[in-house]
Amino acid sequence: MSRIPRPAAPPSLFLALALAAGCAGSRDLVDRPAIPDSPLTFTPAGAFDFAPLGRFPPGFGLRFGGISGLAALAGGRELLGISDDRDGLRVYRFGLRASGTDFQVVILGRIALDAPAAPSGLDPEAIAILPDSNLLIASDGVGNEEPRVPPAIVEYTRHGSFVRALPVRERFAPNPAGPLAKGVRANLGFESLTLAPGGQRFYAATESAIVQDGEPSTFEPGAPARILEYVRDGDSFEPRREFAYLLDPLDRPEFEPGVAVNGLVELLSLGGEELLALERSYIEEAGDATGRRSLNRIRLFRVGLGRATDVSNTDSLGTMSGIAPADKQLVLDLSDAVGLPAGLTPGLDNFEGLTFGPRLPDGRATLILVSDDNFNAGQRTWFLRFAVGDEPGRDSTGAIQ
């Protein structure tokens, strides 16, 4: 896969944009996504990428990358992106620039998150913006070191000051040391976060099954992740219902698989009890630690919770007997999408975040996906834009009505 570095913008431009972002009023920091009508169809409508191993501010700032979650503000014209870097916890602010088929993303600035006051061992993976402009950050936890650190959901002000850690049920916390007997597995904790319209509730999710619920997703069968619902309680939120979400099993590649994982890496509220769910699978060839021969599969599902069983009082999903999981319907498989950049073929990349962008001139909503480059020289930070719904005057087959 060829990798052509993108010329960096002049430092003066980044400085001017960062200053402008710092002067923006709090009313811009409110997540008001554009909710599309049913049915959902997606058409590629532009892509932009950042070369790996960059820094912001250019030259002397912290390393740029690791964008694992997005939240929209200013009607989707600007985005906040959380970096999953444990050193120098930070949120980036992006601006979207579009004219016709040209789509660009610029870095407007960054928000440093107050680390000393927050719980230790945060591994930020997802972000949402509350109506009062405060930020919610979901943390994966740390499971590959002892003592293990449990997953967390942490609230900050829009300037990055720590406000509180929200309560998390004990079942998700791994035992601190010794053989793992409960809770989330390493790197399979809280990866998703989305605020429902109105701001009175939000949803988070585990990337895969907690220990009590079964094994992680394999080639056969899949695994039960959990979707968590939080509801406004005074000036904070409390955990309420939980739902089983069945991950799809992995598809066997043409090569001998080594590392292989599929997980639920993002949620996006459609309103009511409907969500979009992003599943990301990664398979690496056995014996190839470089990742040169690997495969990502990125799939987007429409999810309904209305008929799902509340499992908040169920410590172990076990065989799922008598439990109705969330309904899910495949609405987008990036492997089948026509018109993606050549740099994304054949193996795609590590897409982990999504949100709604600004509407197109024809009135259609847009969906923005972002990839986490893992701070890896062989990957990039990709932003993909999709038009949601059929082009006015055409049906889903492309025929003129």
Protein backbone atom coordinates (compact mmCIF):
# COMPACT_ATOMS: atom_id res chain seq x y z
CA MET A 1 0.00 0.00 0.00
CA SER A 2 1.63 3.28 -1.07
CA ARG A 3 1.86 6.00 1.56
CA ILE A 4 2.27 9.53 0.22
CA PRO A 5 2.89 12.12 2.96
CA ARG A 6 0.52 15.07 2.85
CA PRO A 7 2.21 18.50 2.96
CA ALA A 8 1.80 20.12 6.36
CA ALA A 9 -0.06 23.40 6.67
CA PRO A 10 2.11 26.37 7.65
CA PRO A 11 2.53 26.72 11.44
CA SER A 12 1.02 30.21 11.26
CA LEU A 13 -2.23 28.75 9.91
CA PHE A 14 -2.46 26.22 12.76
CA LEU A 15 -1.75 28.96 15.30
CA ALA A 16 -4.45 31.21 13.89
CA LEU A 17 -6.98 28.39 13.86
CA ALA A 18 -6.10 27.36 17.40
CA LEU A 19 -6.59 30.92 18.65
CA ALA A 20 -9.92 31.15 16.88
CA ALA A 21 -11.03 27.88 18.48
CA GLY A 22 -10.04 29.11 21.92
CA CYS A 23 -12.28 32.15 21.51
CA ALA A 24 -15.36 30.17 20.50
CA GLY A 25 -18.35 30.42 22.82
CA SER A 26 -19.65 27.49 24.83
CA ARG A 27 -22.78 27.35 22.69
CA ASP A 28 -20.62 25.80 19.96
CA LEU A 29 -19.72 22.88 22.21
CA VAL A 30 -23.13 21.22 22.09
CA ASP A 31 -23.66 17.94 20.28
CA ARG A 32 -26.64 18.36 17.96
CA PRO A 33 -26.30 15.60 15.36
CA ALA A 34 -28.37 15.61 12.20
CA ILE A 35 -30.71 12.63 12.48
CA PRO A 36 -31.41 10.98 9.11
CA ASP A 37 -34.70 9.50 8.03
CA SER A 38 -35.21 5.78 7.50
CA PRO A 39 -34.13 3.77 5.58
CA LEU A 40 -30.40 4.29 5.90
CA THR A 41 -28.17 4.21 2.84
CA PHE A 42 -24.62 5.53 2.63
CA THR A 43 -22.71 6.94 -0.35
CA PRO A 44 -19.01 7.95 -0.15
CA ALA A 45 -18.78 11.75 -0.34
CA GLY A 46 -15.14 12.57 0.29
CA ALA A 47 -12.06 11.49 2.21
CA PHE A 48 -9.12 13.18 3.88
CA ASP A 49 -6.09 11.77 5.65
CA PHE A 50 -3.21 12.85 7.85
CA ALA A 51 0.19 11.25 7.41
CA PRO A 52 1.43 9.31 10.45
CA LEU A 53 4.01 10.40 13.02
CA GLY A 54 3.08 14.08 12.88
CA ARG A 55 2.92 16.51 15.80
CA PHE A 56 0.55 19.26 16.86
CA PRO A 57 1.51 22.04 17.09
CA PRO A 58 3.76 21.11 14.17
CA GLY A 59 7.36 20.39 15.00
CA PHE A 60 7.32 20.65 18.79
CA GLY A 61 3.89 19.58 20.06
CA LEU A 62 2.66 16.21 21.27
CA ARG A 63 2.45 13.42 18.74
CA PHE A 64 -0.73 13.53 16.68
CA GLY A 65 -2.90 10.47 16.12
CA GLY A 66 -4.77 7.77 17.95
CA ILE A 67 -8.17 9.33 17.19
CA SER A 68 -10.59 6.77 18.63
CA GLY A 69 -13.86 8.66 18.99
CA LEU A 70 -15.67 11.69 17.57
CA ALA A 71 -18.40 14.05 18.74
CA ALA A 72 -20.02 16.77 16.63
CA LEU A 73 -20.44 20.42 17.54
CA ALA A 74 -21.48 23.58 15.70
CA GLY A 75 -23.96 21.59 13.60
CA GLY A 76 -21.29 19.09 12.61
CA ARG A 77 -19.02 21.71 11.04
CA GLU A 78 -16.56 21.06 13.85
CA LEU A 79 -15.67 17.83 15.62
CA LEU A 80 -13.98 16.85 18.84
CA GLY A 81 -11.75 13.80 18.59
CA ILE A 82 -10.33 11.91 21.58
CA SER A 83 -6.77 10.61 21.30
CA ASP A 84 -6.20 7.25 23.00
CA ASP A 85 -2.77 8.24 24.24
CA ARG A 86 -2.25 7.62 27.96
CA ASP A 87 0.51 10.25 28.01
CA GLY A 88 -0.77 13.80 27.76
CA LEU A 89 -4.53 13.13 27.79
CA ARG A 90 -6.06 15.36 25.14
CA VAL A 91 -8.96 16.09 22.83
CA TYR A 92 -8.43 17.55 19.36
CA ARG A 93 -10.76 20.04 17.75
CA PHE A 94 -11.24 19.65 14.00
CA GLY A 95 -12.88 21.83 11.37
CA LEU A 96 -14.55 20.39 8.28
CA ARG A 97 -14.12 22.24 4.99
CA ALA A 98 -16.15 21.08 2.00
CA SER A 99 -16.83 22.46 -1.45
CA GLY A 100 -18.51 20.17 -3.95
CA THR A 101 -16.66 16.86 -3.87
CA ASP A 102 -13.63 18.41 -2.13
CA PHE A 103 -13.51 17.47 1.56
CA GLN A 104 -10.82 18.60 3.97
CA VAL A 105 -10.21 18.40 7.71
CA VAL A 106 -8.07 20.91 9.61
CA ILE A 107 -6.84 20.80 13.20
CA LEU A 108 -8.20 23.80 15.08
CA GLY A 109 -6.60 23.16 18.45
CA ARG A 110 -6.52 20.77 21.36
CA ILE A 111 -7.92 20.55 24.89
CA ALA A 112 -5.62 19.14 27.55
CA LEU A 113 -7.52 16.95 30.03
CA ASP A 114 -6.71 17.48 33.70
CA ALA A 115 -4.88 14.25 34.55
CA PRO A 116 -3.81 14.76 38.22
CA ALA A 117 -7.39 15.19 39.50
CA ALA A 118 -8.90 12.37 37.41
CA PRO A 119 -8.75 8.64 38.16
CA SER A 120 -5.34 7.16 37.39
CA GLY A 121 -4.69 4.84 34.48
CA LEU A 122 -7.13 6.34 32.00
CA ASP A 123 -7.02 4.98 28.45
CA PRO A 124 -9.46 7.28 26.61
CA GLU A 125 -11.41 5.72 23.75
CA ALA A 126 -14.69 7.60 23.20
CA ILE A 127 -16.21 11.05 23.67
CA ALA A 128 -19.59 12.76 23.95
CA ILE A 129 -20.59 16.39 24.54
CA LEU A 130 -23.25 17.25 27.12
CA PRO A 131 -25.78 20.10 26.65
CA ASP A 132 -23.89 22.22 29.22
CA SER A 133 -20.74 21.82 27.08
CA ASN A 134 -19.06 19.41 29.47
CA LEU A 135 -17.28 16.40 27.97
CA LEU A 136 -17.77 12.74 28.74
CA ILE A 137 -14.78 10.46 28.11
CA ALA A 138 -14.95 6.66 28.16
CA SER A 139 -11.80 4.83 29.27
CA ASP A 140 -10.86 1.28 28.31
CA GLY A 141 -9.03 0.68 31.56
CA VAL A 142 -5.66 -1.03 31.79
CA GLY A 143 -5.76 -4.81 31.79
CA ASN A 144 -2.28 -5.76 30.61
CA GLU A 145 -0.52 -4.52 33.76
CA GLU A 146 -0.99 -5.22 37.45
CA PRO A 147 -2.70 -3.83 39.38
CA ARG A 148 -5.34 -3.72 36.66
CA VAL A 149 -7.31 -0.50 36.22
CA PRO A 150 -11.07 -0.75 35.68
CA PRO A 151 -12.89 0.96 32.79
CA ALA A 152 -14.33 4.38 33.54
CA ILE A 153 -16.59 7.16 32.29
CA VAL A 154 -15.23 10.57 33.30
CA GLU A 155 -16.73 14.05 33.00
CA TYR A 156 -14.65 17.15 32.23
CA THR A 157 -15.48 20.78 31.57
CA ARG A 158 -15.11 22.01 28.01
CA HIS A 159 -11.74 23.44 29.06
CA GLY A 160 -10.53 20.03 30.29
CA SER A 161 -10.96 20.43 34.06
CA PHE A 162 -11.95 17.24 35.89
CA VAL A 163 -15.54 17.21 37.18
CA ARG A 164 -16.34 13.66 38.30
CA ALA A 165 -16.05 9.97 37.57
CA LEU A 166 -19.45 8.41 36.95
CA PRO A 167 -20.45 5.21 38.77
CA VAL A 168 -19.68 1.97 36.95
CA ARG A 169 -21.15 -1.36 38.03
CA GLU A 170 -18.72 -3.69 39.76
CA ARG A 171 -19.20 -6.47 37.19
CA PHE A 172 -17.09 -4.53 34.67
CA ALA A 173 -14.06 -4.11 36.96
CA PRO A 174 -11.38 -6.81 36.51
CA ASN A 175 -9.78 -8.30 39.59
CA PRO A 176 -6.63 -6.24 40.30
CA ALA A 177 -4.12 -9.08 40.11
CA GLY A 178 -3.73 -12.77 39.37
CA PRO A 179 -5.58 -14.80 36.73
CA LEU A 180 -8.40 -12.77 35.23
CA ALA A 181 -11.65 -13.97 36.85
CA LYS A 182 -14.10 -11.14 36.14
CA GLY A 183 -14.66 -7.87 34.35
CA VAL A 184 -13.44 -6.53 31.04
CA ARG A 185 -10.47 -8.05 29.27
CA ALA A 186 -7.37 -6.07 28.32
CA ASN A 187 -8.13 -3.64 25.48
CA LEU A 188 -11.77 -4.82 25.32
CA GLY A 189 -13.33 -2.40 27.80
CA PHE A 190 -15.39 0.75 27.17
CA GLU A 191 -14.87 1.80 23.54
CA SER A 192 -18.22 3.49 22.76
CA LEU A 193 -20.08 6.57 23.94
CA THR A 194 -23.05 8.46 22.47
CA LEU A 195 -25.46 11.03 23.86
CA ALA A 196 -29.15 10.63 23.02
CA PRO A 197 -30.99 13.71 21.68
CA GLY A 198 -32.16 15.85 24.58
CA GLY A 199 -29.12 15.02 26.69
CA GLN A 200 -31.01 13.07 29.37
CA ARG A 201 -29.33 9.73 28.68
CA PHE A 202 -26.32 8.26 26.97
CA TYR A 203 -25.09 4.85 25.92
CA ALA A 204 -21.70 3.19 26.33
CA ALA A 205 -20.60 -0.35 25.49
CA THR A 206 -17.93 -2.93 26.08
CA GLU A 207 -15.89 -3.84 23.03
CA SER A 208 -16.45 -7.56 23.59
CA ALA A 209 -17.69 -10.00 26.21
CA ILE A 210 -16.72 -9.51 29.85
CA VAL A 211 -15.25 -12.60 31.49
CA GLN A 212 -18.53 -13.58 33.16
CA ASP A 213 -20.40 -13.49 29.83
CA GLY A 214 -18.15 -15.71 27.73
CA GLU A 215 -15.18 -15.68 25.38
CA PRO A 216 -14.28 -12.89 22.93
CA SER A 217 -15.55 -13.07 19.37
CA THR A 218 -13.87 -15.76 17.24
CA PHE A 219 -14.38 -17.27 13.81
CA GLU A 220 -17.32 -19.18 15.24
CA PRO A 221 -19.31 -18.10 17.16
CA GLY A 222 -19.53 -14.36 17.91
CA ALA A 223 -19.59 -12.91 21.44
CA PRO A 224 -22.02 -10.94 23.63
CA ALA A 225 -20.88 -7.39 24.33
CA ARG A 226 -22.96 -5.21 26.66
CA ILE A 227 -24.60 -1.87 25.84
CA LEU A 228 -24.97 0.31 28.94
CA GLU A 229 -27.63 2.97 29.37
CA TYR A 230 -27.04 5.92 31.71
CA VAL A 231 -29.86 8.30 32.72
CA ARG A 232 -29.66 11.85 34.04
CA ASP A 233 -29.91 12.04 37.84
CA GLY A 234 -29.58 15.59 39.13
CA ASP A 235 -26.32 17.05 37.88
CA SER A 236 -24.87 13.63 37.02
CA PHE A 237 -25.85 10.29 35.46
CA GLU A 238 -26.62 6.87 36.92
CA PRO A 239 -26.41 3.45 35.24
CA ARG A 240 -29.83 1.98 34.39
CA ARG A 241 -30.51 -0.73 31.80
CA GLU A 242 -28.05 -3.01 30.04
CA PHE A 243 -28.52 -4.96 26.82
CA ALA A 244 -26.72 -7.87 25.19
CA TYR A 245 -25.25 -7.07 21.78
CA LEU A 246 -24.15 -10.08 19.75
CA LEU A 247 -20.97 -9.46 17.79
CA ASP A 248 -20.66 -11.13 14.41
CA PRO A 249 -18.13 -13.96 14.11
CA LEU A 250 -14.94 -13.24 12.20
CA ASP A 251 -14.62 -14.14 8.53
CA ARG A 252 -11.75 -16.50 7.79
CA PRO A 253 -9.07 -14.84 5.60
CA GLU A 254 -7.17 -16.46 2.75
CA PHE A 255 -4.00 -16.54 4.89
CA GLU A 256 -3.31 -18.39 8.15
CA PRO A 257 -4.63 -16.13 10.93
CA GLY A 258 -2.62 -15.19 13.99
CA VAL A 259 -3.99 -12.23 15.98
CA ALA A 260 -7.75 -12.04 15.34
CA VAL A 261 -10.34 -9.85 17.07
CA ASN A 262 -13.76 -8.37 16.39
CA GLY A 263 -15.26 -5.70 18.61
CA LEU A 264 -17.95 -3.07 19.07
CA VAL A 265 -15.91 0.13 18.88
CA GLU A 266 -18.49 2.93 18.59
CA LEU A 267 -22.16 3.79 19.00
CA LEU A 268 -24.12 6.72 17.57
CA SER A 269 -27.62 7.56 18.74
CA LEU A 270 -30.36 7.85 16.12
CA GLY A 271 -32.90 8.93 18.72
CA GLY A 272 -35.45 6.87 20.61
CA GLU A 273 -33.99 3.43 21.24
CA GLU A 274 -32.11 3.20 17.94
CA LEU A 275 -28.36 3.33 17.47
CA LEU A 276 -25.71 2.88 14.85
CA ALA A 277 -23.06 0.39 15.94
CA LEU A 278 -19.57 0.19 14.44
CA GLU A 279 -17.93 -3.25 14.46
CA ARG A 280 -14.23 -3.42 13.64
CA SER A 281 -12.42 -6.69 13.08
CA TYR A 282 -8.67 -7.13 12.65
CA ILE A 283 -6.88 -10.26 11.50
CA GLU A 284 -3.11 -10.54 11.21
CA GLU A 285 -1.25 -13.29 9.43
CA ALA A 286 0.39 -15.81 11.75
CA GLY A 287 4.10 -15.14 12.19
CA ASP A 288 3.90 -11.61 10.73
CA ALA A 289 4.44 -9.24 13.64
CA THR A 290 4.89 -6.32 11.23
CA GLY A 291 1.22 -6.35 10.28
CA ARG A 292 2.18 -6.10 6.59
CA ARG A 293 -0.35 -8.76 5.75
CA SER A 294 -3.45 -7.96 7.74
CA LEU A 295 -7.12 -7.33 7.18
CA ASN A 296 -9.61 -4.94 8.74
CA ARG A 297 -13.32 -5.31 8.21
CA ILE A 298 -15.50 -2.34 9.10
CA ARG A 299 -19.26 -2.82 9.35
CA LEU A 300 -22.04 -0.50 10.45
CA PHE A 301 -25.25 -1.89 11.93
CA ARG A 302 -28.58 -0.30 12.73
CA VAL A 303 -29.45 -1.40 16.26
CA GLY A 304 -32.80 -1.43 18.05
CA LEU A 305 -33.14 -1.81 21.82
CA GLY A 306 -36.93 -1.78 22.01
CA ARG A 307 -37.32 -5.58 22.06
CA ALA A 308 -34.08 -6.40 23.89
CA THR A 309 -34.02 -7.85 27.41
CA ASP A 310 -32.74 -5.62 30.20
CA VAL A 311 -29.81 -7.60 31.63
CA SER A 312 -28.71 -5.04 34.22
CA ASN A 313 -29.53 -7.55 36.99
CA THR A 314 -27.81 -10.43 35.20
CA ASP A 315 -24.21 -10.96 36.26
CA SER A 316 -23.53 -13.64 33.63
CA LEU A 317 -25.18 -13.97 30.23
CA GLY A 318 -24.06 -17.60 30.06
CA THR A 319 -25.89 -19.40 27.27
CA MET A 320 -28.19 -16.39 26.62
CA SER A 321 -31.17 -18.63 27.46
CA GLY A 322 -34.30 -16.49 27.67
CA ILE A 323 -32.40 -13.32 26.79
CA ALA A 324 -33.35 -11.30 23.71
CA PRO A 325 -30.30 -9.41 22.38
CA ALA A 326 -30.48 -6.05 20.64
CA ASP A 327 -31.81 -6.21 17.09
CA LYS A 328 -29.16 -5.42 14.48
CA GLN A 329 -29.23 -4.93 10.72
CA LEU A 330 -26.19 -4.44 8.50
CA VAL A 331 -26.40 -1.08 6.72
CA LEU A 332 -22.79 -0.51 5.55
CA ASP A 333 -19.80 -2.76 4.90
CA LEU A 334 -16.76 -0.68 3.94
CA SER A 335 -15.36 -3.67 2.06
CA ASP A 336 -18.24 -3.28 -0.41
CA ALA A 337 -18.24 0.53 -0.60
CA VAL A 338 -17.47 1.91 -4.07
CA GLY A 339 -15.38 5.06 -4.37
CA LEU A 340 -13.06 4.79 -1.36
CA PRO A 341 -9.49 6.12 -1.74
CA ALA A 342 -6.95 3.73 -3.26
CA GLY A 343 -4.88 4.01 -0.07
CA LEU A 344 -7.57 2.11 1.82
CA THR A 345 -7.49 -0.97 -0.36
CA PRO A 346 -7.26 -3.86 0.06
CA GLY A 347 -7.12 -4.02 3.87
CA LEU A 348 -8.93 -0.81 4.97
CA ASP A 349 -7.69 0.69 8.26
CA ASN A 350 -8.50 0.80 11.96
CA PHE A 351 -11.77 2.80 11.97
CA GLU A 352 -13.02 3.38 15.51
CA GLY A 353 -15.04 6.61 15.60
CA LEU A 354 -18.12 8.05 13.93
CA THR A 355 -20.48 10.99 14.23
CA PHE A 356 -22.80 13.07 12.07
CA GLY A 357 -21.32 15.93 10.06
CA PRO A 358 -23.04 18.95 8.47
CA ARG A 359 -25.80 18.45 5.96
CA LEU A 360 -24.98 18.54 2.27
CA PRO A 361 -26.38 21.32 0.06
CA ASP A 362 -29.07 18.88 -1.13
CA GLY A 363 -30.25 18.45 2.46
CA ARG A 364 -28.85 15.00 3.17
CA ALA A 365 -27.13 14.30 6.45
CA THR A 366 -23.51 13.17 6.46
CA LEU A 367 -21.73 10.55 8.52
CA ILE A 368 -18.05 10.98 9.40
CA LEU A 369 -15.81 7.98 10.22
CA VAL A 370 -12.28 8.30 11.60
CA SER A 371 -9.47 5.76 11.91
CA ASP A 372 -7.05 5.35 14.81
CA ASP A 373 -3.54 5.15 13.36
CA ASN A 374 -2.14 3.56 16.55
CA PHE A 375 0.78 6.02 16.20
CA ASN A 376 2.08 3.55 13.65
CA ALA A 377 4.19 4.59 10.66
CA GLY A 378 2.30 2.13 8.47
CA GLN A 379 -1.14 3.62 9.16
CA ARG A 380 -2.88 6.96 8.70
CA THR A 381 -5.60 9.04 10.30
CA TRP A 382 -8.43 8.80 7.78
CA PHE A 383 -11.62 10.84 7.79
CA LEU A 384 -14.34 9.41 5.54
CA ARG A 385 -17.53 11.31 4.72
CA PHE A 386 -20.70 9.52 3.64
CA ALA A 387 -23.96 11.00 2.39
CA VAL A 388 -26.88 9.48 4.29
CA GLY A 389 -29.95 8.63 2.23
CA ASP A 390 -30.67 8.71 -1.47
CA GLU A 391 -29.86 11.71 -3.61
CA PRO A 392 -33.00 13.82 -4.02
CA GLY A 393 -34.82 12.72 -7.17
CA ARG A 394 -33.31 9.21 -7.16
CA ASP A 395 -34.35 6.02 -5.42
CA SER A 396 -32.05 3.50 -3.73
CA THR A 397 -31.31 1.82 -7.09
CA GLY A 398 -30.07 5.08 -8.59
CA ALA A 399 -33.08 5.43 -10.88
CA ILE A 400 -34.52 8.88 -11.42
CA GLN A 401 -37.94 9.18 -9.86
